Amino acid sequence: LKWTKSSFSALFRGLQLLARDLNPWRVNDPIENFNNNQQ
């Protein structure tokens, strides 16, 4: 949970969402990994 998002700055994750998914050099996202590891 160290690197997370607030209402205002989460805007940029919205803008960057597809760019991240299309990024061929994509690195691990701690929040995403946390979500995927949960039941």
All heavy atoms as atom14 arrays in JSON, in Angstrom:
{
  "sequence": "LKWTKSSFSALFRGLQLLARDLNPWRVNDPIENFNNNQQ",
  "atom14_mask": [
    [1, 1, 1, 1, 1, 1, 1, 1, 0, 0, 0, 0, 0, 0],
    [1, 1, 1, 1, 1, 1, 1, 1, 1, 0, 0, 0, 0, 0],
    [1, 1, 1, 1, 1, 1, 1, 1, 1, 1, 1, 1, 1, 1],
    [1, 1, 1, 1, 1, 1, 1, 0, 0, 0, 0, 0, 0, 0],
    [1, 1, 1, 1, 1, 1, 1, 1, 1, 0, 0, 0, 0, 0],
    [1, 1, 1, 1, 1, 1, 0, 0, 0, 0, 0, 0, 0, 0],
    [1, 1, 1, 1, 1, 1, 0, 0, 0, 0, 0, 0, 0, 0],
    [1, 1, 1, 1, 1, 1, 1, 1, 1, 1, 1, 0, 0, 0],
    [1, 1, 1, 1, 1, 1, 0, 0, 0, 0, 0, 0, 0, 0],
    [1, 1, 1, 1, 1, 0, 0, 0, 0, 0, 0, 0, 0, 0],
    [1, 1, 1, 1, 1, 1, 1, 1, 0, 0, 0, 0, 0, 0],
    [1, 1, 1, 1, 1, 1, 1, 1, 1, 1, 1, 0, 0, 0],
    [1, 1, 1, 1, 1, 1, 1, 1, 1, 1, 1, 0, 0, 0],
    [1, 1, 1, 1, 0, 0, 0, 0, 0, 0, 0, 0, 0, 0],
    [1, 1, 1, 1, 1, 1, 1, 1, 0, 0, 0, 0, 0, 0],
    [1, 1, 1, 1, 1, 1, 1, 1, 1, 0, 0, 0, 0, 0],
    [1, 1, 1, 1, 1, 1, 1, 1, 0, 0, 0, 0, 0, 0],
    [1, 1, 1, 1, 1, 1, 1, 1, 0, 0, 0, 0, 0, 0],
    [1, 1, 1, 1, 1, 0, 0, 0, 0, 0, 0, 0, 0, 0],
    [1, 1, 1, 1, 1, 1, 1, 1, 1, 1, 1, 0, 0, 0],
    [1, 1, 1, 1, 1, 1, 1, 1, 0, 0, 0, 0, 0, 0],
    [1, 1, 1, 1, 1, 1, 1, 1, 0, 0, 0, 0, 0, 0],
    [1, 1, 1, 1, 1, 1, 1, 1, 0, 0, 0, 0, 0, 0],
    [1, 1, 1, 1, 1, 1, 1, 0, 0, 0, 0, 0, 0, 0],
    [1, 1, 1, 1, 1, 1, 1, 1, 1, 1, 1, 1, 1, 1],
    [1, 1, 1, 1, 1, 1, 1, 1, 1, 1, 1, 0, 0, 0],
    [1, 1, 1, 1, 1, 1, 1, 0, 0, 0, 0, 0, 0, 0],
    [1, 1, 1, 1, 1, 1, 1, 1, 0, 0, 0, 0, 0, 0],
    [1, 1, 1, 1, 1, 1, 1, 1, 0, 0, 0, 0, 0, 0],
    [1, 1, 1, 1, 1, 1, 1, 0, 0, 0, 0, 0, 0, 0],
    [1, 1, 1, 1, 1, 1, 1, 1, 0, 0, 0, 0, 0, 0],
    [1, 1, 1, 1, 1, 1, 1, 1, 1, 0, 0, 0, 0, 0],
    [1, 1, 1, 1, 1, 1, 1, 1, 0, 0, 0, 0, 0, 0],
    [1, 1, 1, 1, 1, 1, 1, 1, 1, 1, 1, 0, 0, 0],
    [1, 1, 1, 1, 1, 1, 1, 1, 0, 0, 0, 0, 0, 0],
    [1, 1, 1, 1, 1, 1, 1, 1, 0, 0, 0, 0, 0, 0],
    [1, 1, 1, 1, 1, 1, 1, 1, 0, 0, 0, 0, 0, 0],
    [1, 1, 1, 1, 1, 1, 1, 1, 1, 0, 0, 0, 0, 0],
    [1, 1, 1, 1, 1, 1, 1, 1, 1, 0, 0, 0, 0, 0]
  ],
  "atom14_positions": [
    [[0.8, -1.21, 0.0], [0.0, 0.0, 0.0], [0.84, 1.27, 0.0], [0.32, 2.35, 0.14], [-0.93, 0.01, 1.22], [-2.01, -1.07, 1.2], [-2.84, -0.98, 2.46], [-2.89, -0.95, -0.02], [0.0, 0.0, 0.0], [0.0, 0.0, 0.0], [0.0, 0.0, 0.0], [0.0, 0.0, 0.0], [0.0, 0.0, 0.0], [0.0, 0.0, 0.0]],
    [[2.14, 1.11, -0.16], [2.98, 2.29, -0.02], [2.74, 3.29, -1.14], [2.65, 4.48, -0.91], [4.45, 1.87, -0.01], [5.39, 3.05, 0.24], [6.81, 2.58, 0.42], [7.74, 3.74, 0.72], [9.12, 3.33, 0.93], [0.0, 0.0, 0.0], [0.0, 0.0, 0.0], [0.0, 0.0, 0.0], [0.0, 0.0, 0.0], [0.0, 0.0, 0.0]],
    [[2.63, 2.79, -2.37], [2.44, 3.71, -3.48], [0.99, 3.64, -3.94], [0.59, 2.71, -4.6], [3.4, 3.35, -4.63], [4.8, 3.34, -4.17], [5.63, 2.28, -4.06], [5.53, 4.46, -3.67], [6.82, 2.66, -3.54], [6.81, 3.98, -3.3], [5.24, 5.81, -3.5], [7.78, 4.83, -2.78], [6.21, 6.64, -2.98], [7.47, 6.14, -2.63]],
    [[0.23, 4.62, -3.57], [-1.2, 4.57, -3.84], [-1.67, 5.91, -4.38], [-0.89, 6.79, -4.67], [-1.96, 4.22, -2.56], [-1.55, 5.13, -1.53], [-1.64, 2.81, -2.12], [0.0, 0.0, 0.0], [0.0, 0.0, 0.0], [0.0, 0.0, 0.0], [0.0, 0.0, 0.0], [0.0, 0.0, 0.0], [0.0, 0.0, 0.0], [0.0, 0.0, 0.0]],
    [[-3.0, 6.08, -4.48], [-3.54, 7.19, -5.26], [-4.59, 7.96, -4.5], [-5.39, 7.4, -3.81], [-4.16, 6.66, -6.55], [-3.36, 5.55, -7.22], [-4.15, 4.29, -7.28], [-3.36, 3.16, -7.94], [-3.87, 1.87, -7.66], [0.0, 0.0, 0.0], [0.0, 0.0, 0.0], [0.0, 0.0, 0.0], [0.0, 0.0, 0.0], [0.0, 0.0, 0.0]],
    [[-4.64, 9.26, -4.7], [-5.69, 10.08, -4.1], [-6.66, 10.53, -5.18], [-6.43, 10.33, -6.35], [-5.09, 11.32, -3.42], [-4.69, 12.23, -4.39], [0.0, 0.0, 0.0], [0.0, 0.0, 0.0], [0.0, 0.0, 0.0], [0.0, 0.0, 0.0], [0.0, 0.0, 0.0], [0.0, 0.0, 0.0], [0.0, 0.0, 0.0], [0.0, 0.0, 0.0]],
    [[-7.71, 11.18, -4.77], [-8.74, 11.56, -5.72], [-8.21, 12.48, -6.8], [-8.51, 12.31, -7.98], [-9.9, 12.23, -5.01], [-9.45, 13.35, -4.28], [0.0, 0.0, 0.0], [0.0, 0.0, 0.0], [0.0, 0.0, 0.0], [0.0, 0.0, 0.0], [0.0, 0.0, 0.0], [0.0, 0.0, 0.0], [0.0, 0.0, 0.0], [0.0, 0.0, 0.0]],
    [[-7.42, 13.48, -6.41], [-6.96, 14.43, -7.42], [-5.84, 13.82, -8.27], [-5.9, 13.84, -9.48], [-6.46, 15.71, -6.75], [-6.56, 16.88, -7.68], [-7.6, 17.79, -7.54], [-5.66, 17.06, -8.7], [-7.71, 18.87, -8.39], [-5.76, 18.13, -9.56], [-6.79, 19.04, -9.4], [0.0, 0.0, 0.0], [0.0, 0.0, 0.0], [0.0, 0.0, 0.0]],
    [[-4.84, 13.25, -7.63], [-3.72, 12.75, -8.41], [-4.01, 11.43, -9.07], [-3.3, 11.03, -9.99], [-2.48, 12.63, -7.52], [-2.78, 11.89, -6.38], [0.0, 0.0, 0.0], [0.0, 0.0, 0.0], [0.0, 0.0, 0.0], [0.0, 0.0, 0.0], [0.0, 0.0, 0.0], [0.0, 0.0, 0.0], [0.0, 0.0, 0.0], [0.0, 0.0, 0.0]],
    [[-5.06, 10.72, -8.65], [-5.44, 9.5, -9.35], [-5.86, 9.8, -10.78], [-5.91, 8.92, -11.62], [-6.57, 8.79, -8.62], [0.0, 0.0, 0.0], [0.0, 0.0, 0.0], [0.0, 0.0, 0.0], [0.0, 0.0, 0.0], [0.0, 0.0, 0.0], [0.0, 0.0, 0.0], [0.0, 0.0, 0.0], [0.0, 0.0, 0.0], [0.0, 0.0, 0.0]],
    [[-6.19, 11.04, -11.04], [-6.46, 11.46, -12.41], [-5.37, 10.98, -13.34], [-5.63, 10.49, -14.44], [-6.53, 12.99, -12.42], [-6.26, 13.69, -13.75], [-7.32, 13.31, -14.74], [-6.25, 15.18, -13.54], [0.0, 0.0, 0.0], [0.0, 0.0, 0.0], [0.0, 0.0, 0.0], [0.0, 0.0, 0.0], [0.0, 0.0, 0.0], [0.0, 0.0, 0.0]],
    [[-4.14, 11.07, -12.91], [-3.05, 10.73, -13.8], [-2.95, 9.24, -14.02], [-2.55, 8.8, -15.07], [-1.75, 11.3, -13.24], [-1.81, 12.78, -13.3], [-2.2, 13.49, -12.2], [-1.55, 13.45, -14.46], [-2.32, 14.84, -12.25], [-1.66, 14.82, -14.52], [-2.04, 15.51, -13.41], [0.0, 0.0, 0.0], [0.0, 0.0, 0.0], [0.0, 0.0, 0.0]],
    [[-3.34, 8.46, -13.0], [-3.37, 7.03, -13.24], [-4.46, 6.73, -14.27], [-4.32, 5.83, -15.07], [-3.63, 6.28, -11.95], [-2.46, 6.34, -10.98], [-1.3, 5.54, -11.47], [-1.45, 4.15, -11.15], [-0.45, 3.28, -11.09], [0.78, 3.68, -11.33], [-0.66, 2.04, -10.8], [0.0, 0.0, 0.0], [0.0, 0.0, 0.0], [0.0, 0.0, 0.0]],
    [[-5.54, 7.5, -14.23], [-6.57, 7.31, -15.25], [-6.04, 7.6, -16.64], [-6.23, 6.83, -17.57], [0.0, 0.0, 0.0], [0.0, 0.0, 0.0], [0.0, 0.0, 0.0], [0.0, 0.0, 0.0], [0.0, 0.0, 0.0], [0.0, 0.0, 0.0], [0.0, 0.0, 0.0], [0.0, 0.0, 0.0], [0.0, 0.0, 0.0], [0.0, 0.0, 0.0]],
    [[-5.34, 8.71, -16.77], [-4.75, 9.06, -18.06], [-3.71, 8.03, -18.49], [-3.54, 7.74, -19.66], [-4.09, 10.44, -17.95], [-5.01, 11.64, -17.84], [-4.2, 12.88, -17.48], [-5.75, 11.86, -19.13], [0.0, 0.0, 0.0], [0.0, 0.0, 0.0], [0.0, 0.0, 0.0], [0.0, 0.0, 0.0], [0.0, 0.0, 0.0], [0.0, 0.0, 0.0]],
    [[-3.0, 7.47, -17.5], [-1.87, 6.61, -17.81], [-2.24, 5.13, -17.86], [-1.4, 4.28, -18.13], [-0.77, 6.81, -16.77], [-0.23, 8.22, -16.79], [0.19, 8.7, -15.43], [0.02, 8.02, -14.43], [0.73, 9.9, -15.37], [0.0, 0.0, 0.0], [0.0, 0.0, 0.0], [0.0, 0.0, 0.0], [0.0, 0.0, 0.0], [0.0, 0.0, 0.0]],
    [[-3.52, 4.82, -17.58], [-3.94, 3.43, -17.46], [-3.6, 2.62, -18.7], [-2.89, 1.62, -18.63], [-5.45, 3.38, -17.21], [-6.07, 1.99, -17.23], [-5.55, 1.19, -16.04], [-7.58, 2.08, -17.2], [0.0, 0.0, 0.0], [0.0, 0.0, 0.0], [0.0, 0.0, 0.0], [0.0, 0.0, 0.0], [0.0, 0.0, 0.0], [0.0, 0.0, 0.0]],
    [[-4.12, 3.05, -19.86], [-3.87, 2.28, -21.07], [-2.42, 2.39, -21.51], [-1.85, 1.44, -22.05], [-4.8, 2.74, -22.19], [-6.27, 2.35, -21.98], [-7.12, 2.88, -23.13], [-6.41, 0.85, -21.88], [0.0, 0.0, 0.0], [0.0, 0.0, 0.0], [0.0, 0.0, 0.0], [0.0, 0.0, 0.0], [0.0, 0.0, 0.0], [0.0, 0.0, 0.0]],
    [[-1.81, 3.54, -21.27], [-0.39, 3.68, -21.61], [0.44, 2.67, -20.86], [1.36, 2.05, -21.4], [0.08, 5.1, -21.29], [0.0, 0.0, 0.0], [0.0, 0.0, 0.0], [0.0, 0.0, 0.0], [0.0, 0.0, 0.0], [0.0, 0.0, 0.0], [0.0, 0.0, 0.0], [0.0, 0.0, 0.0], [0.0, 0.0, 0.0], [0.0, 0.0, 0.0]],
    [[0.12, 2.45, -19.58], [0.83, 1.46, -18.78], [0.62, 0.06, -19.35], [1.53, -0.74, -19.47], [0.35, 1.52, -17.34], [1.04, 0.56, -16.41], [0.25, 0.35, -15.13], [-1.02, -0.3, -15.45], [-1.95, -0.54, -14.55], [-1.8, -0.17, -13.31], [-3.08, -1.14, -14.91], [0.0, 0.0, 0.0], [0.0, 0.0, 0.0], [0.0, 0.0, 0.0]],
    [[-0.65, -0.26, -19.71], [-0.96, -1.59, -20.21], [-0.3, -1.86, -21.55], [0.04, -3.01, -21.87], [-2.47, -1.76, -20.34], [-3.16, -1.78, -18.98], [-2.46, -2.06, -18.0], [-4.37, -1.51, -18.92], [0.0, 0.0, 0.0], [0.0, 0.0, 0.0], [0.0, 0.0, 0.0], [0.0, 0.0, 0.0], [0.0, 0.0, 0.0], [0.0, 0.0, 0.0]],
    [[-0.12, -0.79, -22.35], [0.51, -0.95, -23.65], [2.03, -0.86, -23.6], [2.7, -1.11, -24.6], [-0.01, 0.14, -24.61], [-1.51, 0.05, -24.96], [-1.94, 1.29, -25.72], [-1.8, -1.2, -25.76], [0.0, 0.0, 0.0], [0.0, 0.0, 0.0], [0.0, 0.0, 0.0], [0.0, 0.0, 0.0], [0.0, 0.0, 0.0], [0.0, 0.0, 0.0]],
    [[2.57, -0.53, -22.44], [4.01, -0.31, -22.3], [4.77, -1.62, -22.39], [4.63, -2.5, -21.54], [4.28, 0.37, -20.96], [5.76, 0.69, -20.78], [6.55, 0.53, -21.69], [6.09, 1.14, -19.58], [0.0, 0.0, 0.0], [0.0, 0.0, 0.0], [0.0, 0.0, 0.0], [0.0, 0.0, 0.0], [0.0, 0.0, 0.0], [0.0, 0.0, 0.0]],
    [[5.62, -1.82, -23.38], [6.34, -3.08, -23.51], [7.41, -3.26, -22.45], [7.89, -4.36, -22.23], [6.98, -2.97, -24.91], [7.09, -1.51, -25.16], [5.91, -0.89, -24.47], [0.0, 0.0, 0.0], [0.0, 0.0, 0.0], [0.0, 0.0, 0.0], [0.0, 0.0, 0.0], [0.0, 0.0, 0.0], [0.0, 0.0, 0.0], [0.0, 0.0, 0.0]],
    [[7.79, -2.15, -21.75], [8.81, -2.23, -20.71], [8.18, -2.15, -19.33], [8.79, -1.72, -18.37], [9.82, -1.1, -20.87], [10.43, -1.08, -22.23], [11.4, -1.88, -22.71], [10.08, -0.19, -23.3], [11.68, -1.56, -24.01], [10.89, -0.52, -24.4], [9.14, 0.85, -23.43], [10.81, 0.13, -25.61], [9.06, 1.5, -24.64], [9.89, 1.14, -25.71]],
    [[6.93, -2.55, -19.22], [6.14, -2.39, -18.02], [6.83, -3.02, -16.81], [7.34, -4.13, -16.87], [4.78, -3.06, -18.23], [3.83, -2.96, -17.08], [2.52, -3.56, -17.52], [1.57, -3.64, -16.43], [0.36, -4.13, -16.59], [-0.03, -4.57, -17.76], [-0.46, -4.18, -15.57], [0.0, 0.0, 0.0], [0.0, 0.0, 0.0], [0.0, 0.0, 0.0]],
    [[6.85, -2.27, -15.7], [7.42, -2.79, -14.46], [6.3, -3.14, -13.51], [5.15, -2.8, -13.72], [8.36, -1.75, -13.8], [9.5, -1.4, -14.73], [7.59, -0.5, -13.41], [0.0, 0.0, 0.0], [0.0, 0.0, 0.0], [0.0, 0.0, 0.0], [0.0, 0.0, 0.0], [0.0, 0.0, 0.0], [0.0, 0.0, 0.0], [0.0, 0.0, 0.0]],
    [[6.65, -3.83, -12.43], [5.65, -4.26, -11.48], [4.99, -3.08, -10.79], [5.64, -2.11, -10.43], [6.28, -5.17, -10.42], [6.65, -6.52, -11.0], [6.08, -6.95, -11.99], [7.63, -7.17, -10.4], [0.0, 0.0, 0.0], [0.0, 0.0, 0.0], [0.0, 0.0, 0.0], [0.0, 0.0, 0.0], [0.0, 0.0, 0.0], [0.0, 0.0, 0.0]],
    [[3.69, -3.16, -10.61], [2.91, -2.18, -9.89], [2.5, -2.8, -8.57], [1.77, -3.76, -8.54], [1.67, -1.81, -10.72], [0.85, -0.7, -10.09], [0.84, -0.62, -8.84], [0.21, 0.06, -10.83], [0.0, 0.0, 0.0], [0.0, 0.0, 0.0], [0.0, 0.0, 0.0], [0.0, 0.0, 0.0], [0.0, 0.0, 0.0], [0.0, 0.0, 0.0]],
    [[2.99, -2.28, -7.42], [2.69, -2.92, -6.14], [1.2, -3.05, -5.87], [0.75, -4.05, -5.36], [3.36, -1.98, -5.11], [4.41, -1.25, -5.88], [3.88, -1.13, -7.27], [0.0, 0.0, 0.0], [0.0, 0.0, 0.0], [0.0, 0.0, 0.0], [0.0, 0.0, 0.0], [0.0, 0.0, 0.0], [0.0, 0.0, 0.0], [0.0, 0.0, 0.0]],
    [[0.42, -2.01, -6.2], [-1.02, -2.09, -5.95], [-1.65, -3.16, -6.81], [-2.48, -3.95, -6.37], [-1.67, -0.73, -6.23], [-1.29, 0.24, -5.12], [-3.18, -0.85, -6.33], [-1.9, -0.1, -3.78], [0.0, 0.0, 0.0], [0.0, 0.0, 0.0], [0.0, 0.0, 0.0], [0.0, 0.0, 0.0], [0.0, 0.0, 0.0], [0.0, 0.0, 0.0]],
    [[-1.24, -3.22, -8.09], [-1.83, -4.2, -8.98], [-1.47, -5.6, -8.52], [-2.31, -6.5, -8.5], [-1.32, -3.96, -10.41], [-1.92, -4.94, -11.42], [-1.37, -4.7, -12.81], [-0.17, -4.44, -12.93], [-2.16, -4.79, -13.76], [0.0, 0.0, 0.0], [0.0, 0.0, 0.0], [0.0, 0.0, 0.0], [0.0, 0.0, 0.0], [0.0, 0.0, 0.0]],
    [[-0.22, -5.81, -8.13], [0.17, -7.12, -7.64], [-0.6, -7.49, -6.39], [-1.0, -8.64, -6.19], [1.68, -7.13, -7.34], [2.51, -6.99, -8.6], [2.01, -7.24, -9.69], [3.76, -6.58, -8.45], [0.0, 0.0, 0.0], [0.0, 0.0, 0.0], [0.0, 0.0, 0.0], [0.0, 0.0, 0.0], [0.0, 0.0, 0.0], [0.0, 0.0, 0.0]],
    [[-0.82, -6.5, -5.52], [-1.59, -6.74, -4.3], [-3.01, -7.19, -4.66], [-3.53, -8.15, -4.1], [-1.65, -5.46, -3.48], [-2.44, -5.57, -2.21], [-2.02, -6.41, -1.2], [-3.6, -4.85, -2.04], [-2.74, -6.5, -0.02], [-4.33, -4.95, -0.88], [-3.9, -5.77, 0.14], [0.0, 0.0, 0.0], [0.0, 0.0, 0.0], [0.0, 0.0, 0.0]],
    [[-3.63, -6.52, -5.65], [-4.98, -6.89, -6.04], [-5.01, -8.3, -6.6], [-5.88, -9.1, -6.27], [-5.51, -5.93, -7.12], [-5.72, -4.53, -6.57], [-5.75, -4.34, -5.37], [-5.88, -3.57, -7.47], [0.0, 0.0, 0.0], [0.0, 0.0, 0.0], [0.0, 0.0, 0.0], [0.0, 0.0, 0.0], [0.0, 0.0, 0.0], [0.0, 0.0, 0.0]],
    [[-4.04, -8.62, -7.47], [-4.06, -9.91, -8.14], [-3.81, -11.06, -7.18], [-4.21, -12.2, -7.45], [-3.0, -9.94, -9.25], [-3.37, -8.99, -10.39], [-4.53, -8.62, -10.55], [-2.38, -8.59, -11.17], [0.0, 0.0, 0.0], [0.0, 0.0, 0.0], [0.0, 0.0, 0.0], [0.0, 0.0, 0.0], [0.0, 0.0, 0.0], [0.0, 0.0, 0.0]],
    [[-3.13, -10.79, -6.08], [-2.82, -11.85, -5.13], [-3.95, -12.12, -4.15], [-3.86, -13.03, -3.34], [-1.55, -11.48, -4.35], [-0.32, -11.56, -5.23], [-0.31, -12.27, -6.22], [0.69, -10.78, -4.87], [0.0, 0.0, 0.0], [0.0, 0.0, 0.0], [0.0, 0.0, 0.0], [0.0, 0.0, 0.0], [0.0, 0.0, 0.0], [0.0, 0.0, 0.0]],
    [[-5.01, -11.29, -4.18], [-6.1, -11.47, -3.23], [-7.16, -12.41, -3.78], [-7.43, -12.44, -4.98], [-6.74, -10.12, -2.9], [-5.8, -9.12, -2.28], [-5.15, -9.65, -1.03], [-5.82, -10.06, -0.1], [-3.84, -9.66, -1.01], [0.0, 0.0, 0.0], [0.0, 0.0, 0.0], [0.0, 0.0, 0.0], [0.0, 0.0, 0.0], [0.0, 0.0, 0.0]],
    [[-7.77, -13.16, -2.9], [-8.88, -14.0, -3.26], [-10.17, -13.15, -3.26], [-10.24, -12.13, -2.6], [-9.01, -15.15, -2.25], [-7.79, -16.07, -2.23], [-7.56, -16.73, -3.57], [-8.5, -17.19, -4.21], [-6.31, -16.78, -4.0], [0.0, 0.0, 0.0], [0.0, 0.0, 0.0], [0.0, 0.0, 0.0], [0.0, 0.0, 0.0], [0.0, 0.0, 0.0]]
  ]
}
